[in-house]
Amino acid sequence: MMSGVAVLGVSAVALGMVLTPGPNMMYLVSRSVTQGRRAGLISLGGVAAGFLCYLIAATVGLSAVFVAVPQAYLGVKLAGACYLVWLAWRAVRPGGRSVFAPRSLPVDSASRLFAMGLLTNLLNPKIAIMYLALIPQFVDPVAGRVWLQSLGLGGVQIAVALTVNAAIVVAAGSISGLLARRPRWLRMQRYLTGSVLGGLAVRLAADRSLPAVG
């Protein structure tokens, strides 16, 4: 059975990570602004599926596989770093636009929105690190079945992340309207986002630490 301390600990960490700008937030905001709240919520469904994939994989021992095969772990981190670099370039390139800037884009189907949300989350290095190194630290072997605690604590993380991201999806349109009346703020937001993503990519690529098994 999960302890109250473990639930509070995972909740606090999950809240801190979801509020840090990253690929999930950028994708959800861009879809919500350009195609509406419904598209944002469908995309959020894909993100949720990505969380479930990580949770199931971690529960059945993916972290142990990464410890046994460090090259696989390194490959996941480098793929995430490359994805962050691509997102950073899209933000700061000449003619680039802020994710909050209104624009006309081809309307993506619900299946594509869901699939892109899933892919964005699966390549999100923050989520990989959370499930492989962080959540296992809150599992107490003497408190009951380890796999059941892992599922429960992962469920807590998913609930926190989806609640916050849903609020972001709902508010994205209002934020976009506010920034649209202040072009300088849009430019500042674009370069700030690109700088943050680029910094995360460099830090991730330079990190040579190995995954921990809880």
N, C-alpha and C. Protein backbone atom coordinates (compact mmCIF):
# COMPACT_ATOMS: atom_id res chain seq x y z
N MET A 1 0.85 -1.20 0.00
CA MET A 1 0.00 0.00 0.00
C MET A 1 0.88 1.24 0.00
N MET A 2 0.50 2.25 -0.77
CA MET A 2 1.27 3.48 -0.86
C MET A 2 1.14 4.28 0.43
N SER A 3 2.24 4.88 0.88
CA SER A 3 2.19 5.74 2.05
C SER A 3 1.82 7.15 1.64
N GLY A 4 1.29 7.92 2.60
CA GLY A 4 0.93 9.30 2.31
C GLY A 4 2.14 10.13 1.92
N VAL A 5 3.28 9.84 2.54
CA VAL A 5 4.51 10.57 2.22
C VAL A 5 4.92 10.33 0.77
N ALA A 6 4.81 9.06 0.33
CA ALA A 6 5.17 8.74 -1.05
C ALA A 6 4.25 9.45 -2.04
N VAL A 7 2.96 9.46 -1.75
CA VAL A 7 2.00 10.12 -2.64
C VAL A 7 2.28 11.62 -2.71
N LEU A 8 2.53 12.24 -1.58
CA LEU A 8 2.82 13.68 -1.56
C LEU A 8 4.14 13.98 -2.27
N GLY A 9 5.12 13.09 -2.08
CA GLY A 9 6.41 13.31 -2.73
C GLY A 9 6.31 13.24 -4.23
N VAL A 10 5.64 12.21 -4.74
CA VAL A 10 5.47 12.07 -6.19
C VAL A 10 4.63 13.22 -6.74
N SER A 11 3.60 13.64 -6.00
CA SER A 11 2.76 14.75 -6.45
C SER A 11 3.56 16.03 -6.59
N ALA A 12 4.42 16.31 -5.60
CA ALA A 12 5.22 17.53 -5.63
C ALA A 12 6.20 17.52 -6.80
N VAL A 13 6.86 16.38 -7.00
CA VAL A 13 7.82 16.29 -8.09
C VAL A 13 7.11 16.39 -9.45
N ALA A 14 5.98 15.72 -9.57
CA ALA A 14 5.22 15.75 -10.83
C ALA A 14 4.76 17.17 -11.15
N LEU A 15 4.32 17.90 -10.12
CA LEU A 15 3.88 19.27 -10.33
C LEU A 15 5.03 20.15 -10.78
N GLY A 16 6.19 19.99 -10.14
CA GLY A 16 7.34 20.79 -10.53
C GLY A 16 7.78 20.53 -11.96
N MET A 17 7.74 19.26 -12.37
CA MET A 17 8.20 18.93 -13.72
C MET A 17 7.20 19.36 -14.79
N VAL A 18 5.91 19.25 -14.51
CA VAL A 18 4.92 19.61 -15.53
C VAL A 18 4.87 21.13 -15.73
N LEU A 19 5.26 21.89 -14.71
CA LEU A 19 5.27 23.35 -14.84
C LEU A 19 6.53 23.87 -15.50
N THR A 20 7.52 22.99 -15.70
CA THR A 20 8.74 23.38 -16.40
C THR A 20 8.51 23.28 -17.90
N PRO A 21 8.73 24.37 -18.67
CA PRO A 21 8.47 24.31 -20.12
C PRO A 21 9.24 23.17 -20.78
N GLY A 22 8.56 22.44 -21.62
CA GLY A 22 9.19 21.31 -22.30
C GLY A 22 8.38 20.92 -23.53
N PRO A 23 8.74 19.82 -24.19
CA PRO A 23 8.07 19.41 -25.43
C PRO A 23 6.57 19.21 -25.27
N ASN A 24 6.12 18.59 -24.19
CA ASN A 24 4.68 18.36 -24.02
C ASN A 24 3.91 19.67 -23.99
N MET A 25 4.40 20.62 -23.17
CA MET A 25 3.71 21.90 -23.06
C MET A 25 3.69 22.62 -24.40
N MET A 26 4.83 22.63 -25.10
CA MET A 26 4.89 23.32 -26.38
C MET A 26 3.91 22.73 -27.39
N TYR A 27 3.86 21.41 -27.45
CA TYR A 27 2.97 20.77 -28.43
C TYR A 27 1.51 21.04 -28.09
N LEU A 28 1.14 20.90 -26.83
CA LEU A 28 -0.25 21.09 -26.43
C LEU A 28 -0.69 22.54 -26.66
N VAL A 29 0.17 23.48 -26.33
CA VAL A 29 -0.18 24.89 -26.54
C VAL A 29 -0.34 25.18 -28.03
N SER A 30 0.61 24.70 -28.85
CA SER A 30 0.54 24.99 -30.28
C SER A 30 -0.73 24.42 -30.90
N ARG A 31 -1.11 23.22 -30.52
CA ARG A 31 -2.33 22.62 -31.06
C ARG A 31 -3.58 23.36 -30.58
N SER A 32 -3.58 23.75 -29.33
CA SER A 32 -4.75 24.43 -28.77
C SER A 32 -4.95 25.80 -29.41
N VAL A 33 -3.83 26.51 -29.64
CA VAL A 33 -3.92 27.85 -30.21
C VAL A 33 -4.32 27.80 -31.68
N THR A 34 -3.74 26.86 -32.43
CA THR A 34 -3.96 26.84 -33.87
C THR A 34 -5.21 26.08 -34.29
N GLN A 35 -5.67 25.14 -33.46
CA GLN A 35 -6.79 24.31 -33.91
C GLN A 35 -7.91 24.21 -32.88
N GLY A 36 -7.76 24.85 -31.74
CA GLY A 36 -8.84 24.88 -30.76
C GLY A 36 -8.65 23.93 -29.60
N ARG A 37 -9.50 24.13 -28.58
CA ARG A 37 -9.38 23.34 -27.36
C ARG A 37 -9.61 21.85 -27.60
N ARG A 38 -10.53 21.52 -28.48
CA ARG A 38 -10.80 20.10 -28.75
C ARG A 38 -9.55 19.41 -29.26
N ALA A 39 -8.83 20.06 -30.18
CA ALA A 39 -7.59 19.48 -30.70
C ALA A 39 -6.56 19.34 -29.59
N GLY A 40 -6.51 20.34 -28.71
CA GLY A 40 -5.57 20.28 -27.60
C GLY A 40 -5.88 19.12 -26.67
N LEU A 41 -7.15 18.89 -26.41
CA LEU A 41 -7.54 17.81 -25.51
C LEU A 41 -7.29 16.43 -26.16
N ILE A 42 -7.50 16.32 -27.48
CA ILE A 42 -7.20 15.07 -28.16
C ILE A 42 -5.68 14.80 -28.10
N SER A 43 -4.90 15.85 -28.32
CA SER A 43 -3.45 15.73 -28.21
C SER A 43 -3.05 15.31 -26.80
N LEU A 44 -3.75 15.86 -25.81
CA LEU A 44 -3.48 15.49 -24.43
C LEU A 44 -3.78 14.01 -24.20
N GLY A 45 -4.76 13.47 -24.91
CA GLY A 45 -5.02 12.04 -24.82
C GLY A 45 -3.82 11.22 -25.28
N GLY A 46 -3.15 11.68 -26.34
CA GLY A 46 -1.94 11.01 -26.80
C GLY A 46 -0.82 11.10 -25.78
N VAL A 47 -0.70 12.27 -25.15
CA VAL A 47 0.29 12.44 -24.09
C VAL A 47 0.01 11.47 -22.95
N ALA A 48 -1.26 11.34 -22.59
CA ALA A 48 -1.64 10.40 -21.52
C ALA A 48 -1.27 8.97 -21.89
N ALA A 49 -1.46 8.60 -23.16
CA ALA A 49 -1.08 7.25 -23.60
C ALA A 49 0.43 7.05 -23.47
N GLY A 50 1.19 8.12 -23.73
CA GLY A 50 2.64 8.04 -23.56
C GLY A 50 3.02 7.79 -22.12
N PHE A 51 2.33 8.47 -21.20
CA PHE A 51 2.57 8.23 -19.77
C PHE A 51 2.32 6.76 -19.42
N LEU A 52 1.22 6.22 -19.94
CA LEU A 52 0.88 4.83 -19.64
C LEU A 52 1.93 3.86 -20.20
N CYS A 53 2.46 4.16 -21.38
CA CYS A 53 3.51 3.31 -21.95
C CYS A 53 4.72 3.29 -21.05
N TYR A 54 5.15 4.47 -20.59
CA TYR A 54 6.30 4.53 -19.69
C TYR A 54 6.01 3.81 -18.38
N LEU A 55 4.81 4.02 -17.85
CA LEU A 55 4.47 3.41 -16.57
C LEU A 55 4.50 1.88 -16.66
N ILE A 56 3.89 1.34 -17.71
CA ILE A 56 3.86 -0.12 -17.87
C ILE A 56 5.27 -0.66 -18.08
N ALA A 57 6.06 0.04 -18.93
CA ALA A 57 7.42 -0.42 -19.20
C ALA A 57 8.28 -0.39 -17.94
N ALA A 58 8.15 0.68 -17.16
CA ALA A 58 8.94 0.78 -15.93
C ALA A 58 8.50 -0.27 -14.93
N THR A 59 7.20 -0.55 -14.87
CA THR A 59 6.69 -1.54 -13.92
C THR A 59 7.20 -2.94 -14.23
N VAL A 60 7.34 -3.26 -15.50
CA VAL A 60 7.81 -4.60 -15.86
C VAL A 60 9.33 -4.70 -15.93
N GLY A 61 10.03 -3.61 -15.59
CA GLY A 61 11.48 -3.71 -15.45
C GLY A 61 12.32 -3.08 -16.53
N LEU A 62 11.79 -2.06 -17.25
CA LEU A 62 12.60 -1.42 -18.28
C LEU A 62 13.84 -0.76 -17.69
N SER A 63 13.71 -0.24 -16.47
CA SER A 63 14.87 0.41 -15.85
C SER A 63 16.01 -0.59 -15.67
N ALA A 64 15.67 -1.84 -15.33
CA ALA A 64 16.70 -2.86 -15.18
C ALA A 64 17.39 -3.15 -16.51
N VAL A 65 16.61 -3.13 -17.60
CA VAL A 65 17.18 -3.35 -18.94
C VAL A 65 18.16 -2.24 -19.28
N PHE A 66 17.79 -1.00 -18.96
CA PHE A 66 18.68 0.12 -19.27
C PHE A 66 19.96 0.07 -18.44
N VAL A 67 19.86 -0.43 -17.21
CA VAL A 67 21.06 -0.58 -16.40
C VAL A 67 21.97 -1.65 -17.00
N ALA A 68 21.37 -2.74 -17.49
CA ALA A 68 22.14 -3.83 -18.08
C ALA A 68 22.71 -3.45 -19.44
N VAL A 69 22.00 -2.57 -20.18
CA VAL A 69 22.44 -2.14 -21.51
C VAL A 69 22.49 -0.62 -21.54
N PRO A 70 23.58 -0.02 -21.03
CA PRO A 70 23.67 1.44 -20.95
C PRO A 70 23.54 2.12 -22.32
N GLN A 71 23.93 1.42 -23.40
CA GLN A 71 23.84 2.02 -24.74
C GLN A 71 22.39 2.32 -25.10
N ALA A 72 21.46 1.48 -24.65
CA ALA A 72 20.05 1.71 -24.93
C ALA A 72 19.57 2.97 -24.22
N TYR A 73 19.99 3.13 -22.98
CA TYR A 73 19.62 4.33 -22.21
C TYR A 73 20.20 5.57 -22.87
N LEU A 74 21.48 5.47 -23.30
CA LEU A 74 22.12 6.61 -23.96
C LEU A 74 21.39 6.96 -25.25
N GLY A 75 20.94 5.93 -25.98
CA GLY A 75 20.22 6.18 -27.21
C GLY A 75 18.93 6.94 -26.99
N VAL A 76 18.19 6.58 -25.92
CA VAL A 76 16.95 7.28 -25.60
C VAL A 76 17.23 8.74 -25.26
N LYS A 77 18.29 8.98 -24.47
CA LYS A 77 18.61 10.35 -24.08
C LYS A 77 19.03 11.19 -25.29
N LEU A 78 19.84 10.61 -26.19
CA LEU A 78 20.28 11.36 -27.35
C LEU A 78 19.12 11.65 -28.30
N ALA A 79 18.20 10.70 -28.43
CA ALA A 79 17.02 10.94 -29.27
C ALA A 79 16.20 12.10 -28.70
N GLY A 80 16.04 12.12 -27.38
CA GLY A 80 15.32 13.22 -26.75
C GLY A 80 16.03 14.54 -26.92
N ALA A 81 17.38 14.53 -26.83
CA ALA A 81 18.16 15.76 -26.99
C ALA A 81 18.02 16.30 -28.41
N CYS A 82 18.07 15.41 -29.40
CA CYS A 82 17.91 15.85 -30.79
C CYS A 82 16.52 16.45 -31.03
N TYR A 83 15.52 15.86 -30.42
CA TYR A 83 14.16 16.38 -30.56
C TYR A 83 14.04 17.77 -29.95
N LEU A 84 14.70 17.98 -28.80
CA LEU A 84 14.69 19.29 -28.16
C LEU A 84 15.39 20.33 -29.04
N VAL A 85 16.52 19.94 -29.66
CA VAL A 85 17.24 20.86 -30.55
C VAL A 85 16.35 21.27 -31.72
N TRP A 86 15.62 20.31 -32.27
CA TRP A 86 14.72 20.61 -33.39
C TRP A 86 13.64 21.60 -32.97
N LEU A 87 13.06 21.37 -31.79
CA LEU A 87 12.03 22.29 -31.30
C LEU A 87 12.61 23.68 -31.03
N ALA A 88 13.84 23.72 -30.49
CA ALA A 88 14.48 25.00 -30.21
C ALA A 88 14.73 25.77 -31.50
N TRP A 89 15.21 25.07 -32.54
CA TRP A 89 15.47 25.71 -33.82
C TRP A 89 14.18 26.26 -34.43
N ARG A 90 13.12 25.51 -34.33
CA ARG A 90 11.84 25.98 -34.86
C ARG A 90 11.38 27.25 -34.15
N ALA A 91 11.75 27.40 -32.89
CA ALA A 91 11.33 28.58 -32.13
C ALA A 91 12.14 29.82 -32.50
N VAL A 92 13.46 29.66 -32.74
CA VAL A 92 14.33 30.84 -32.90
C VAL A 92 14.76 31.09 -34.34
N ARG A 93 14.45 30.20 -35.26
CA ARG A 93 14.90 30.37 -36.64
C ARG A 93 14.32 31.64 -37.23
N PRO A 94 15.01 32.21 -38.24
CA PRO A 94 14.46 33.39 -38.91
C PRO A 94 13.06 33.10 -39.45
N GLY A 95 12.15 33.96 -39.10
CA GLY A 95 10.77 33.74 -39.51
C GLY A 95 10.01 32.81 -38.59
N GLY A 96 10.69 32.35 -37.53
CA GLY A 96 10.02 31.49 -36.57
C GLY A 96 8.93 32.24 -35.83
N ARG A 97 8.02 31.48 -35.24
CA ARG A 97 6.91 32.11 -34.55
C ARG A 97 6.74 31.48 -33.18
N SER A 98 6.19 32.27 -32.28
CA SER A 98 5.90 31.77 -30.95
C SER A 98 4.78 30.74 -31.01
N VAL A 99 4.80 29.79 -30.08
CA VAL A 99 3.72 28.81 -30.04
C VAL A 99 2.39 29.46 -29.71
N PHE A 100 2.43 30.65 -29.11
CA PHE A 100 1.20 31.35 -28.76
C PHE A 100 0.69 32.26 -29.88
N ALA A 101 1.47 32.40 -30.96
CA ALA A 101 1.08 33.30 -32.04
C ALA A 101 -0.02 32.67 -32.89
N PRO A 102 -1.13 33.37 -33.09
CA PRO A 102 -2.21 32.83 -33.93
C PRO A 102 -1.72 32.64 -35.36
N ARG A 103 -2.10 31.56 -36.00
CA ARG A 103 -1.69 31.30 -37.37
C ARG A 103 -2.63 30.27 -37.98
N SER A 104 -2.60 30.23 -39.30
CA SER A 104 -3.44 29.26 -40.01
C SER A 104 -2.59 28.05 -40.37
N LEU A 105 -3.03 26.89 -39.96
CA LEU A 105 -2.33 25.64 -40.27
C LEU A 105 -3.34 24.63 -40.82
N PRO A 106 -2.85 23.67 -41.61
CA PRO A 106 -3.76 22.60 -42.05
C PRO A 106 -4.36 21.90 -40.82
N VAL A 107 -5.62 21.59 -40.90
CA VAL A 107 -6.28 20.94 -39.77
C VAL A 107 -5.88 19.47 -39.72
N ASP A 108 -5.27 19.06 -38.63
CA ASP A 108 -4.87 17.67 -38.46
C ASP A 108 -6.07 16.84 -38.00
N SER A 109 -6.08 15.59 -38.43
CA SER A 109 -7.14 14.68 -38.01
C SER A 109 -6.96 14.32 -36.55
N ALA A 110 -8.01 13.79 -35.95
CA ALA A 110 -7.94 13.39 -34.54
C ALA A 110 -6.88 12.32 -34.33
N SER A 111 -6.77 11.39 -35.28
CA SER A 111 -5.78 10.32 -35.13
C SER A 111 -4.36 10.87 -35.18
N ARG A 112 -4.11 11.85 -36.03
CA ARG A 112 -2.77 12.44 -36.11
C ARG A 112 -2.46 13.25 -34.86
N LEU A 113 -3.44 13.99 -34.37
CA LEU A 113 -3.24 14.75 -33.14
C LEU A 113 -2.87 13.82 -31.99
N PHE A 114 -3.59 12.72 -31.89
CA PHE A 114 -3.33 11.75 -30.82
C PHE A 114 -1.94 11.14 -30.99
N ALA A 115 -1.61 10.75 -32.22
CA ALA A 115 -0.31 10.11 -32.47
C ALA A 115 0.85 11.06 -32.19
N MET A 116 0.71 12.32 -32.55
CA MET A 116 1.78 13.28 -32.30
C MET A 116 1.93 13.56 -30.81
N GLY A 117 0.81 13.59 -30.10
CA GLY A 117 0.89 13.75 -28.65
C GLY A 117 1.62 12.58 -28.01
N LEU A 118 1.32 11.37 -28.49
CA LEU A 118 1.99 10.17 -27.98
C LEU A 118 3.48 10.22 -28.27
N LEU A 119 3.86 10.54 -29.52
CA LEU A 119 5.26 10.57 -29.90
C LEU A 119 6.02 11.65 -29.12
N THR A 120 5.41 12.81 -28.97
CA THR A 120 6.06 13.89 -28.23
C THR A 120 6.38 13.46 -26.81
N ASN A 121 5.46 12.76 -26.18
CA ASN A 121 5.69 12.33 -24.80
C ASN A 121 6.72 11.20 -24.72
N LEU A 122 6.68 10.27 -25.67
CA LEU A 122 7.63 9.16 -25.64
C LEU A 122 9.06 9.65 -25.83
N LEU A 123 9.25 10.77 -26.54
CA LEU A 123 10.59 11.31 -26.76
C LEU A 123 10.94 12.42 -25.76
N ASN A 124 10.10 12.57 -24.74
CA ASN A 124 10.34 13.61 -23.74
C ASN A 124 11.32 13.08 -22.69
N PRO A 125 12.55 13.60 -22.63
CA PRO A 125 13.54 13.06 -21.68
C PRO A 125 13.14 13.24 -20.23
N LYS A 126 12.37 14.28 -19.93
CA LYS A 126 11.95 14.48 -18.54
C LYS A 126 11.10 13.32 -18.05
N ILE A 127 10.22 12.82 -18.91
CA ILE A 127 9.34 11.73 -18.50
C ILE A 127 10.12 10.43 -18.34
N ALA A 128 11.06 10.19 -19.25
CA ALA A 128 11.89 8.99 -19.13
C ALA A 128 12.65 8.98 -17.81
N ILE A 129 13.24 10.11 -17.48
CA ILE A 129 14.01 10.20 -16.24
C ILE A 129 13.10 10.01 -15.03
N MET A 130 11.90 10.56 -15.08
CA MET A 130 10.99 10.44 -13.95
C MET A 130 10.66 8.97 -13.67
N TYR A 131 10.30 8.23 -14.71
CA TYR A 131 9.88 6.85 -14.50
C TYR A 131 11.04 5.90 -14.25
N LEU A 132 12.20 6.20 -14.81
CA LEU A 132 13.34 5.29 -14.67
C LEU A 132 14.15 5.53 -13.41
N ALA A 133 14.15 6.76 -12.90
CA ALA A 133 15.04 7.07 -11.80
C ALA A 133 14.36 7.66 -10.58
N LEU A 134 13.20 8.26 -10.73
CA LEU A 134 12.63 9.00 -9.62
C LEU A 134 11.53 8.25 -8.88
N ILE A 135 10.48 7.87 -9.59
CA ILE A 135 9.35 7.20 -8.95
C ILE A 135 9.77 5.95 -8.18
N PRO A 136 10.72 5.13 -8.71
CA PRO A 136 11.12 3.94 -7.94
C PRO A 136 11.66 4.26 -6.55
N GLN A 137 12.16 5.48 -6.34
CA GLN A 137 12.70 5.84 -5.04
C GLN A 137 11.61 5.98 -3.97
N PHE A 138 10.37 6.11 -4.39
CA PHE A 138 9.26 6.25 -3.44
C PHE A 138 8.57 4.91 -3.16
N VAL A 139 9.07 3.85 -3.78
CA VAL A 139 8.49 2.52 -3.57
C VAL A 139 9.17 1.87 -2.36
N ASP A 140 8.36 1.39 -1.41
CA ASP A 140 8.87 0.74 -0.20
C ASP A 140 8.59 -0.76 -0.29
N PRO A 141 9.63 -1.58 -0.43
CA PRO A 141 9.43 -3.02 -0.59
C PRO A 141 8.67 -3.68 0.56
N VAL A 142 8.74 -3.10 1.75
CA VAL A 142 8.08 -3.70 2.91
C VAL A 142 6.62 -3.26 3.03
N ALA A 143 6.20 -2.34 2.16
CA ALA A 143 4.84 -1.80 2.26
C ALA A 143 3.84 -2.55 1.39
N GLY A 144 4.28 -3.59 0.72
CA GLY A 144 3.36 -4.33 -0.14
C GLY A 144 3.98 -4.65 -1.47
N ARG A 145 3.17 -5.09 -2.41
CA ARG A 145 3.67 -5.47 -3.72
C ARG A 145 4.29 -4.28 -4.44
N VAL A 146 5.54 -4.46 -4.88
CA VAL A 146 6.27 -3.37 -5.51
C VAL A 146 5.59 -2.92 -6.80
N TRP A 147 5.14 -3.89 -7.62
CA TRP A 147 4.53 -3.52 -8.90
C TRP A 147 3.24 -2.74 -8.69
N LEU A 148 2.50 -3.08 -7.63
CA LEU A 148 1.25 -2.38 -7.36
C LEU A 148 1.52 -0.95 -6.88
N GLN A 149 2.56 -0.79 -6.06
CA GLN A 149 2.94 0.56 -5.63
C GLN A 149 3.41 1.39 -6.82
N SER A 150 4.18 0.77 -7.71
CA SER A 150 4.67 1.49 -8.89
C SER A 150 3.52 1.98 -9.75
N LEU A 151 2.53 1.12 -9.95
CA LEU A 151 1.37 1.52 -10.73
C LEU A 151 0.60 2.65 -10.05
N GLY A 152 0.43 2.53 -8.73
CA GLY A 152 -0.30 3.55 -7.99
C GLY A 152 0.38 4.90 -8.03
N LEU A 153 1.71 4.91 -7.78
CA LEU A 153 2.45 6.18 -7.78
C LEU A 153 2.53 6.76 -9.19
N GLY A 154 2.63 5.88 -10.19
CA GLY A 154 2.59 6.37 -11.56
C GLY A 154 1.24 6.99 -11.89
N GLY A 155 0.18 6.40 -11.33
CA GLY A 155 -1.15 6.97 -11.52
C GLY A 155 -1.28 8.35 -10.91
N VAL A 156 -0.64 8.55 -9.75
CA VAL A 156 -0.64 9.86 -9.11
C VAL A 156 0.06 10.88 -10.02
N GLN A 157 1.21 10.51 -10.56
CA GLN A 157 1.95 11.41 -11.45
C GLN A 157 1.11 11.76 -12.68
N ILE A 158 0.46 10.76 -13.26
CA ILE A 158 -0.35 11.00 -14.46
C ILE A 158 -1.52 11.93 -14.14
N ALA A 159 -2.16 11.73 -12.99
CA ALA A 159 -3.29 12.58 -12.62
C ALA A 159 -2.86 14.04 -12.47
N VAL A 160 -1.72 14.27 -11.82
CA VAL A 160 -1.21 15.63 -11.66
C VAL A 160 -0.88 16.25 -13.01
N ALA A 161 -0.15 15.49 -13.84
CA ALA A 161 0.27 16.02 -15.13
C ALA A 161 -0.92 16.33 -16.04
N LEU A 162 -1.91 15.45 -16.08
CA LEU A 162 -3.06 15.68 -16.95
C LEU A 162 -3.92 16.84 -16.46
N THR A 163 -4.05 16.99 -15.15
CA THR A 163 -4.83 18.10 -14.61
C THR A 163 -4.21 19.44 -14.99
N VAL A 164 -2.90 19.56 -14.79
CA VAL A 164 -2.21 20.81 -15.12
C VAL A 164 -2.22 21.07 -16.62
N ASN A 165 -1.93 20.03 -17.41
CA ASN A 165 -1.90 20.21 -18.86
C ASN A 165 -3.28 20.54 -19.42
N ALA A 166 -4.33 19.98 -18.84
CA ALA A 166 -5.69 20.31 -19.29
C ALA A 166 -5.98 21.79 -19.04
N ALA A 167 -5.53 22.30 -17.89
CA ALA A 167 -5.72 23.72 -17.59
C ALA A 167 -4.97 24.59 -18.59
N ILE A 168 -3.76 24.14 -18.97
CA ILE A 168 -2.98 24.88 -19.96
C ILE A 168 -3.68 24.90 -21.31
N VAL A 169 -4.25 23.76 -21.70
CA VAL A 169 -4.97 23.67 -22.97
C VAL A 169 -6.16 24.64 -22.98
N VAL A 170 -6.91 24.67 -21.89
CA VAL A 170 -8.09 25.53 -21.80
C VAL A 170 -7.70 27.00 -21.83
N ALA A 171 -6.56 27.34 -21.21
CA ALA A 171 -6.16 28.75 -21.10
C ALA A 171 -5.32 29.23 -22.27
N ALA A 172 -4.87 28.32 -23.13
CA ALA A 172 -3.94 28.70 -24.19
C ALA A 172 -4.49 29.78 -25.10
N GLY A 173 -5.77 29.69 -25.46
CA GLY A 173 -6.36 30.69 -26.33
C GLY A 173 -6.35 32.08 -25.73
N SER A 174 -6.65 32.18 -24.44
CA SER A 174 -6.66 33.47 -23.77
C SER A 174 -5.25 34.06 -23.70
N ILE A 175 -4.27 33.20 -23.41
CA ILE A 175 -2.89 33.66 -23.36
C ILE A 175 -2.44 34.16 -24.73
N SER A 176 -2.84 33.42 -25.77
CA SER A 176 -2.49 33.82 -27.13
C SER A 176 -3.06 35.20 -27.47
N GLY A 177 -4.33 35.44 -27.09
CA GLY A 177 -4.94 36.73 -27.35
C GLY A 177 -4.23 37.86 -26.63
N LEU A 178 -3.80 37.61 -25.40
CA LEU A 178 -3.08 38.63 -24.63
C LEU A 178 -1.75 38.97 -25.28
N LEU A 179 -1.00 37.92 -25.69
CA LEU A 179 0.31 38.17 -26.29
C LEU A 179 0.20 38.77 -27.69
N ALA A 180 -0.88 38.45 -28.40
CA ALA A 180 -1.04 38.97 -29.75
C ALA A 180 -1.13 40.49 -29.75
N ARG A 181 -1.60 41.06 -28.65
CA ARG A 181 -1.69 42.52 -28.54
C ARG A 181 -0.37 43.14 -28.12
N ARG A 182 0.63 42.28 -27.87
CA ARG A 182 1.95 42.75 -27.44
C ARG A 182 3.02 42.00 -28.23
N PRO A 183 3.29 42.41 -29.47
CA PRO A 183 4.24 41.68 -30.34
C PRO A 183 5.61 41.48 -29.70
N ARG A 184 6.07 42.45 -28.94
CA ARG A 184 7.39 42.32 -28.31
C ARG A 184 7.40 41.15 -27.34
N TRP A 185 6.30 40.95 -26.63
CA TRP A 185 6.21 39.82 -25.69
C TRP A 185 6.26 38.50 -26.45
N LEU A 186 5.65 38.46 -27.63
CA LEU A 186 5.69 37.24 -28.43
C LEU A 186 7.12 36.89 -28.82
N ARG A 187 7.88 37.91 -29.25
CA ARG A 187 9.28 37.66 -29.63
C ARG A 187 10.09 37.20 -28.42
N MET A 188 9.87 37.85 -27.29
CA MET A 188 10.61 37.46 -26.08
C MET A 188 10.27 36.03 -25.69
N GLN A 189 8.99 35.69 -25.77
CA GLN A 189 8.57 34.33 -25.41
C GLN A 189 9.19 33.31 -26.35
N ARG A 190 9.28 33.65 -27.63
CA ARG A 190 9.84 32.72 -28.62
C ARG A 190 11.32 32.45 -28.34
N TYR A 191 12.09 33.50 -28.12
CA TYR A 191 13.52 33.31 -27.86
C TYR A 191 13.77 32.68 -26.50
N LEU A 192 12.94 33.00 -25.53
CA LEU A 192 13.09 32.37 -24.22
C LEU A 192 12.82 30.87 -24.31
N THR A 193 11.77 30.51 -25.03
CA THR A 193 11.45 29.10 -25.20
C THR A 193 12.57 28.36 -25.91
N GLY A 194 13.08 28.95 -27.00
CA GLY A 194 14.17 28.33 -27.73
C GLY A 194 15.42 28.17 -26.88
N SER A 195 15.72 29.17 -26.07
CA SER A 195 16.90 29.10 -25.21
C SER A 195 16.76 28.01 -24.16
N VAL A 196 15.57 27.92 -23.55
CA VAL A 196 15.34 26.89 -22.53
C VAL A 196 15.46 25.49 -23.14
N LEU A 197 14.85 25.29 -24.30
CA LEU A 197 14.90 23.97 -24.94
C LEU A 197 16.33 23.63 -25.38
N GLY A 198 17.05 24.62 -25.91
CA GLY A 198 18.43 24.37 -26.32
C GLY A 198 19.30 24.02 -25.12
N GLY A 199 19.10 24.74 -24.00
CA GLY A 199 19.86 24.44 -22.80
C GLY A 199 19.57 23.04 -22.27
N LEU A 200 18.30 22.66 -22.31
CA LEU A 200 17.94 21.30 -21.87
C LEU A 200 18.57 20.24 -22.75
N ALA A 201 18.63 20.52 -24.05
CA ALA A 201 19.22 19.55 -24.99
C ALA A 201 20.71 19.37 -24.71
N VAL A 202 21.42 20.48 -24.49
CA VAL A 202 22.86 20.40 -24.21
C VAL A 202 23.10 19.66 -22.91
N ARG A 203 22.33 20.00 -21.89
CA ARG A 203 22.50 19.35 -20.59
C ARG A 203 22.22 17.85 -20.69
N LEU A 204 21.19 17.48 -21.43
CA LEU A 204 20.83 16.07 -21.56
C LEU A 204 21.91 15.31 -22.33
N ALA A 205 22.42 15.90 -23.43
CA ALA A 205 23.43 15.23 -24.23
C ALA A 205 24.75 15.08 -23.47
N ALA A 206 25.05 16.06 -22.60
CA ALA A 206 26.31 16.02 -21.86
C ALA A 206 26.25 15.14 -20.62
N ASP A 207 25.05 14.79 -20.19
CA ASP A 207 24.89 13.98 -18.98
C ASP A 207 25.27 12.53 -19.27
N ARG A 208 26.19 12.01 -18.50
CA ARG A 208 26.63 10.62 -18.70
C ARG A 208 26.25 9.73 -17.51
N SER A 209 25.32 10.21 -16.68
CA SER A 209 24.90 9.41 -15.53
C SER A 209 24.09 8.22 -16.01
N LEU A 210 24.09 7.16 -15.23
CA LEU A 210 23.36 5.95 -15.56
C LEU A 210 22.03 5.93 -14.83
N PRO A 211 21.03 5.24 -15.37
CA PRO A 211 19.74 5.16 -14.71
C PRO A 211 19.84 4.43 -13.39
N ALA A 212 18.99 4.82 -12.44
CA ALA A 212 18.97 4.17 -11.15
C ALA A 212 17.79 3.24 -11.07
N VAL A 213 17.94 2.16 -10.34
CA VAL A 213 16.85 1.21 -10.12
C VAL A 213 16.41 1.33 -8.68
N GLY A 214 15.10 1.64 -8.48
CA GLY A 214 14.61 1.82 -7.14
C GLY A 214 14.30 0.49 -6.46
